[in-house]
Amino acid sequence: MQFVTINENKIIYNTLIMDNKYINIYNILINYTRNKNLYRSINREDKFSDRLTLFLLHFAFFLKNYKNEENRAILQEIYDFNFRQLELSIREIGYGDQSINKKMKVYINLFHSMVSDIHFWDDLNNKQKIDKISIFLVDFKEIEYLVDYFNDFNQKLTKKNLNSFIKGVINP
């Protein structure tokens, strides 16, 4: 019985350590999706569903840029942490357990589609990029702006290393 208690404390301790280690990355991605200028530029209100889709796109570009064998374990931890944070956000809105499980499955599938579709982003021409972004932002009218935006975001990511995000020494 005591072994279970010790194990539970270890899990809680590891979760707290993980929060401190990856919260900076999560917050940077959230700050990008809360950017009021972005919503003004694409003529949209800042709604949870749009913010979530834009968060997933930012996160997909983040993983695309830092994915390599050396970063594999760290990126898995970051992935797990970010989806755990998303689940908490959905719970805060007031969804129940069954709804959350269904929504998380949809969001995870959407995210994996994004990662797959932007994997070769740098090799795509502008029309192909518009087509890719349009898949995920169906009713957005300012897709060209968003392609330019994600081109810039992608460029910013290539100029920084993963460690700088983890250590929290950069500004978005």
C-alpha atoms as a PDB file:
ATOM      1  CA  MET A   1       0.000   0.000   0.000  1.00  0.00           C
ATOM      2  CA  GLN A   2       2.777   2.418   0.808  1.00  0.00           C
ATOM      3  CA  PHE A   3       4.528   1.580  -2.474  1.00  0.00           C
ATOM      4  CA  VAL A   4       1.475   2.914  -4.366  1.00  0.00           C
ATOM      5  CA  THR A   5       1.623   6.164  -2.414  1.00  0.00           C
ATOM      6  CA  ILE A   6       5.312   6.600  -3.182  1.00  0.00           C
ATOM      7  CA  ASN A   7       4.641   5.876  -6.862  1.00  0.00           C
ATOM      8  CA  GLU A   8       1.793   8.408  -6.953  1.00  0.00           C
ATOM      9  CA  ASN A   9       4.019  11.065  -5.396  1.00  0.00           C
ATOM     10  CA  LYS A  10       6.719  10.316  -7.970  1.00  0.00           C
ATOM     11  CA  ILE A  11       4.210  10.757 -10.819  1.00  0.00           C
ATOM     12  CA  ILE A  12       3.007  14.057  -9.352  1.00  0.00           C
ATOM     13  CA  TYR A  13       6.613  15.193  -8.859  1.00  0.00           C
ATOM     14  CA  ASN A  14       7.531  14.293 -12.458  1.00  0.00           C
ATOM     15  CA  THR A  15       4.493  16.166 -13.754  1.00  0.00           C
ATOM     16  CA  LEU A  16       5.478  19.284 -11.815  1.00  0.00           C
ATOM     17  CA  ILE A  17       9.039  19.091 -13.143  1.00  0.00           C
ATOM     18  CA  MET A  18       7.692  18.690 -16.665  1.00  0.00           C
ATOM     19  CA  ASP A  19       5.450  21.750 -16.217  1.00  0.00           C
ATOM     20  CA  ASN A  20       8.425  23.912 -15.327  1.00  0.00           C
ATOM     21  CA  LYS A  21      10.515  22.494 -18.133  1.00  0.00           C
ATOM     22  CA  TYR A  22       8.072  22.943 -21.042  1.00  0.00           C
ATOM     23  CA  ILE A  23       5.679  25.658 -19.919  1.00  0.00           C
ATOM     24  CA  ASN A  24       7.757  28.282 -21.733  1.00  0.00           C
ATOM     25  CA  ILE A  25       7.242  26.568 -25.089  1.00  0.00           C
ATOM     26  CA  TYR A  26       3.522  26.204 -24.489  1.00  0.00           C
ATOM     27  CA  ASN A  27       3.214  29.866 -23.440  1.00  0.00           C
ATOM     28  CA  ILE A  28       5.150  31.093 -26.470  1.00  0.00           C
ATOM     29  CA  LEU A  29       2.834  29.148 -28.796  1.00  0.00           C
ATOM     30  CA  ILE A  30      -0.230  30.409 -26.914  1.00  0.00           C
ATOM     31  CA  ASN A  31       1.033  33.996 -27.174  1.00  0.00           C
ATOM     32  CA  TYR A  32       1.281  33.621 -30.934  1.00  0.00           C
ATOM     33  CA  THR A  33      -2.334  32.480 -31.079  1.00  0.00           C
ATOM     34  CA  ARG A  34      -3.528  35.333 -28.843  1.00  0.00           C
ATOM     35  CA  ASN A  35      -1.963  37.980 -31.052  1.00  0.00           C
ATOM     36  CA  LYS A  36      -4.724  40.562 -31.610  1.00  0.00           C
ATOM     37  CA  ASN A  37      -2.939  41.911 -34.704  1.00  0.00           C
ATOM     38  CA  LEU A  38      -3.127  38.468 -36.281  1.00  0.00           C
ATOM     39  CA  TYR A  39      -6.910  38.354 -35.879  1.00  0.00           C
ATOM     40  CA  ARG A  40      -7.265  41.922 -37.184  1.00  0.00           C
ATOM     41  CA  SER A  41      -5.122  41.054 -40.199  1.00  0.00           C
ATOM     42  CA  ILE A  42      -7.275  38.060 -41.080  1.00  0.00           C
ATOM     43  CA  ASN A  43     -10.562  39.872 -40.260  1.00  0.00           C
ATOM     44  CA  ARG A  44     -11.669  37.360 -37.638  1.00  0.00           C
ATOM     45  CA  GLU A  45     -12.807  37.418 -34.067  1.00  0.00           C
ATOM     46  CA  ASP A  46     -10.607  35.709 -31.531  1.00  0.00           C
ATOM     47  CA  LYS A  47     -12.655  32.548 -30.858  1.00  0.00           C
ATOM     48  CA  PHE A  48     -11.543  29.422 -29.025  1.00  0.00           C
ATOM     49  CA  SER A  49     -11.938  27.177 -32.071  1.00  0.00           C
ATOM     50  CA  ASP A  50      -9.835  29.486 -34.283  1.00  0.00           C
ATOM     51  CA  ARG A  51      -7.263  29.933 -31.544  1.00  0.00           C
ATOM     52  CA  LEU A  52      -7.010  26.178 -31.124  1.00  0.00           C
ATOM     53  CA  THR A  53      -6.532  25.595 -34.860  1.00  0.00           C
ATOM     54  CA  LEU A  54      -3.883  28.308 -35.036  1.00  0.00           C
ATOM     55  CA  PHE A  55      -2.178  26.866 -31.948  1.00  0.00           C
ATOM     56  CA  LEU A  56      -2.035  23.448 -33.596  1.00  0.00           C
ATOM     57  CA  LEU A  57      -0.563  24.965 -36.771  1.00  0.00           C
ATOM     58  CA  HIS A  58       2.086  26.840 -34.787  1.00  0.00           C
ATOM     59  CA  PHE A  59       2.882  23.681 -32.876  1.00  0.00           C
ATOM     60  CA  ALA A  60       3.097  21.670 -36.103  1.00  0.00           C
ATOM     61  CA  PHE A  61       5.651  24.132 -37.499  1.00  0.00           C
ATOM     62  CA  PHE A  62       7.530  23.997 -34.211  1.00  0.00           C
ATOM     63  CA  LEU A  63       7.808  20.200 -34.341  1.00  0.00           C
ATOM     64  CA  LYS A  64       8.669  20.253 -38.049  1.00  0.00           C
ATOM     65  CA  ASN A  65      11.629  22.504 -37.388  1.00  0.00           C
ATOM     66  CA  TYR A  66      13.091  20.631 -34.453  1.00  0.00           C
ATOM     67  CA  LYS A  67      12.315  17.049 -35.414  1.00  0.00           C
ATOM     68  CA  ASN A  68      15.429  14.923 -35.577  1.00  0.00           C
ATOM     69  CA  GLU A  69      16.709  11.803 -33.871  1.00  0.00           C
ATOM     70  CA  GLU A  70      18.595  13.789 -31.234  1.00  0.00           C
ATOM     71  CA  ASN A  71      15.446  15.689 -30.154  1.00  0.00           C
ATOM     72  CA  ARG A  72      13.050  12.751 -30.388  1.00  0.00           C
ATOM     73  CA  ALA A  73      12.540  12.132 -26.654  1.00  0.00           C
ATOM     74  CA  ILE A  74      12.310  15.817 -25.777  1.00  0.00           C
ATOM     75  CA  LEU A  75       9.816  16.520 -28.559  1.00  0.00           C
ATOM     76  CA  GLN A  76       7.678  13.600 -27.369  1.00  0.00           C
ATOM     77  CA  GLU A  77       7.617  15.125 -23.888  1.00  0.00           C
ATOM     78  CA  ILE A  78       6.732  18.534 -25.338  1.00  0.00           C
ATOM     79  CA  TYR A  79       3.988  16.939 -27.442  1.00  0.00           C
ATOM     80  CA  ASP A  80       2.562  15.142 -24.389  1.00  0.00           C
ATOM     81  CA  PHE A  81       2.759  18.289 -22.286  1.00  0.00           C
ATOM     82  CA  ASN A  82       1.039  20.489 -24.876  1.00  0.00           C
ATOM     83  CA  PHE A  83      -1.821  18.072 -25.417  1.00  0.00           C
ATOM     84  CA  ARG A  84      -2.244  17.686 -21.672  1.00  0.00           C
ATOM     85  CA  GLN A  85      -2.484  21.493 -21.419  1.00  0.00           C
ATOM     86  CA  LEU A  86      -5.039  21.568 -24.243  1.00  0.00           C
ATOM     87  CA  GLU A  87      -7.108  18.973 -22.458  1.00  0.00           C
ATOM     88  CA  LEU A  88      -7.031  21.087 -19.294  1.00  0.00           C
ATOM     89  CA  SER A  89      -8.152  24.128 -21.280  1.00  0.00           C
ATOM     90  CA  ILE A  90     -11.082  22.211 -22.724  1.00  0.00           C
ATOM     91  CA  ARG A  91     -12.033  21.031 -19.237  1.00  0.00           C
ATOM     92  CA  GLU A  92     -11.960  24.640 -18.025  1.00  0.00           C
ATOM     93  CA  ILE A  93     -14.498  25.562 -20.686  1.00  0.00           C
ATOM     94  CA  GLY A  94     -16.808  23.038 -19.080  1.00  0.00           C
ATOM     95  CA  TYR A  95     -16.820  19.964 -21.294  1.00  0.00           C
ATOM     96  CA  GLY A  96     -17.387  16.580 -19.618  1.00  0.00           C
ATOM     97  CA  ASP A  97     -15.128  13.543 -19.769  1.00  0.00           C
ATOM     98  CA  GLN A  98     -16.869  11.896 -22.734  1.00  0.00           C
ATOM     99  CA  SER A  99     -16.906  15.124 -24.750  1.00  0.00           C
ATOM    100  CA  ILE A 100     -13.272  15.791 -23.944  1.00  0.00           C
ATOM    101  CA  ASN A 101     -12.188  12.337 -25.097  1.00  0.00           C
ATOM    102  CA  LYS A 102     -14.021  12.791 -28.413  1.00  0.00           C
ATOM    103  CA  LYS A 103     -12.671  16.311 -28.918  1.00  0.00           C
ATOM    104  CA  MET A 104      -9.108  15.346 -28.045  1.00  0.00           C
ATOM    105  CA  LYS A 105      -9.231  12.513 -30.576  1.00  0.00           C
ATOM    106  CA  VAL A 106     -10.384  14.992 -33.245  1.00  0.00           C
ATOM    107  CA  TYR A 107      -7.697  17.537 -32.283  1.00  0.00           C
ATOM    108  CA  ILE A 108      -4.926  14.953 -32.247  1.00  0.00           C
ATOM    109  CA  ASN A 109      -5.978  13.649 -35.677  1.00  0.00           C
ATOM    110  CA  LEU A 110      -6.166  17.213 -37.001  1.00  0.00           C
ATOM    111  CA  PHE A 111      -2.724  17.941 -35.617  1.00  0.00           C
ATOM    112  CA  HIS A 112      -1.192  14.841 -37.194  1.00  0.00           C
ATOM    113  CA  SER A 113      -2.701  15.856 -40.538  1.00  0.00           C
ATOM    114  CA  MET A 114      -1.150  19.295 -40.140  1.00  0.00           C
ATOM    115  CA  VAL A 115       2.261  17.849 -39.344  1.00  0.00           C
ATOM    116  CA  SER A 116       2.028  15.578 -42.365  1.00  0.00           C
ATOM    117  CA  ASP A 117       0.861  18.314 -44.735  1.00  0.00           C
ATOM    118  CA  ILE A 118       3.463  20.897 -43.744  1.00  0.00           C
ATOM    119  CA  HIS A 119       6.369  18.465 -43.506  1.00  0.00           C
ATOM    120  CA  PHE A 120       7.748  19.640 -46.866  1.00  0.00           C
ATOM    121  CA  TRP A 121       6.605  23.257 -46.447  1.00  0.00           C
ATOM    122  CA  ASP A 122       9.955  24.668 -47.538  1.00  0.00           C
ATOM    123  CA  ASP A 123       9.733  22.785 -50.851  1.00  0.00           C
ATOM    124  CA  LEU A 124       6.204  23.959 -51.708  1.00  0.00           C
ATOM    125  CA  ASN A 125       5.358  26.854 -53.975  1.00  0.00           C
ATOM    126  CA  ASN A 126       2.957  29.573 -52.817  1.00  0.00           C
ATOM    127  CA  LYS A 127      -0.120  27.968 -54.450  1.00  0.00           C
ATOM    128  CA  GLN A 128       0.624  24.622 -52.771  1.00  0.00           C
ATOM    129  CA  LYS A 129       1.053  26.371 -49.417  1.00  0.00           C
ATOM    130  CA  ILE A 130      -2.294  28.119 -49.864  1.00  0.00           C
ATOM    131  CA  ASP A 131      -3.888  24.754 -50.623  1.00  0.00           C
ATOM    132  CA  LYS A 132      -2.323  23.172 -47.517  1.00  0.00           C
ATOM    133  CA  ILE A 133      -3.372  25.966 -45.142  1.00  0.00           C
ATOM    134  CA  SER A 134      -6.864  26.064 -46.682  1.00  0.00           C
ATOM    135  CA  ILE A 135      -7.421  22.459 -45.650  1.00  0.00           C
ATOM    136  CA  PHE A 136      -7.290  23.448 -41.983  1.00  0.00           C
ATOM    137  CA  LEU A 137      -8.667  26.972 -42.152  1.00  0.00           C
ATOM    138  CA  VAL A 138     -11.631  26.276 -44.404  1.00  0.00           C
ATOM    139  CA  ASP A 139     -13.699  29.398 -43.826  1.00  0.00           C
ATOM    140  CA  PHE A 140     -10.782  31.834 -43.510  1.00  0.00           C
ATOM    141  CA  LYS A 141     -10.710  34.481 -46.223  1.00  0.00           C
ATOM    142  CA  GLU A 142      -7.154  35.778 -45.716  1.00  0.00           C
ATOM    143  CA  ILE A 143      -5.272  32.587 -46.542  1.00  0.00           C
ATOM    144  CA  GLU A 144      -2.541  34.407 -48.502  1.00  0.00           C
ATOM    145  CA  TYR A 145      -1.789  36.512 -45.434  1.00  0.00           C
ATOM    146  CA  LEU A 146      -1.608  33.373 -43.298  1.00  0.00           C
ATOM    147  CA  VAL A 147       0.774  31.697 -45.735  1.00  0.00           C
ATOM    148  CA  ASP A 148       3.083  34.723 -45.454  1.00  0.00           C
ATOM    149  CA  TYR A 149       2.614  34.684 -41.690  1.00  0.00           C
ATOM    150  CA  PHE A 150       3.569  31.008 -41.386  1.00  0.00           C
ATOM    151  CA  ASN A 151       6.477  31.489 -43.797  1.00  0.00           C
ATOM    152  CA  ASP A 152       7.794  34.165 -41.413  1.00  0.00           C
ATOM    153  CA  PHE A 153       7.079  32.017 -38.368  1.00  0.00           C
ATOM    154  CA  ASN A 154       8.883  29.085 -39.960  1.00  0.00           C
ATOM    155  CA  GLN A 155      11.880  31.335 -40.727  1.00  0.00           C
ATOM    156  CA  LYS A 156      12.015  32.555 -37.123  1.00  0.00           C
ATOM    157  CA  LEU A 157      12.053  28.983 -35.878  1.00  0.00           C
ATOM    158  CA  THR A 158      14.958  28.035 -38.152  1.00  0.00           C
ATOM    159  CA  LYS A 159      17.067  30.780 -36.575  1.00  0.00           C
ATOM    160  CA  LYS A 160      16.669  29.454 -33.032  1.00  0.00           C
ATOM    161  CA  ASN A 161      17.602  26.165 -31.444  1.00  0.00           C
ATOM    162  CA  LEU A 162      15.280  24.003 -29.375  1.00  0.00           C
ATOM    163  CA  ASN A 163      17.265  24.575 -26.210  1.00  0.00           C
ATOM    164  CA  SER A 164      16.581  28.304 -26.339  1.00  0.00           C
ATOM    165  CA  PHE A 165      12.857  27.568 -26.128  1.00  0.00           C
ATOM    166  CA  ILE A 166      13.256  25.108 -23.283  1.00  0.00           C
ATOM    167  CA  LYS A 167      15.460  27.413 -21.244  1.00  0.00           C
ATOM    168  CA  GLY A 168      13.162  30.382 -21.840  1.00  0.00           C
ATOM    169  CA  VAL A 169      15.885  32.743 -22.989  1.00  0.00           C
ATOM    170  CA  ILE A 170      14.088  34.061 -26.061  1.00  0.00           C
ATOM    171  CA  ASN A 171      11.127  36.228 -26.874  1.00  0.00           C
ATOM    172  CA  PRO A 172       8.670  35.141 -29.548  1.00  0.00           C
END
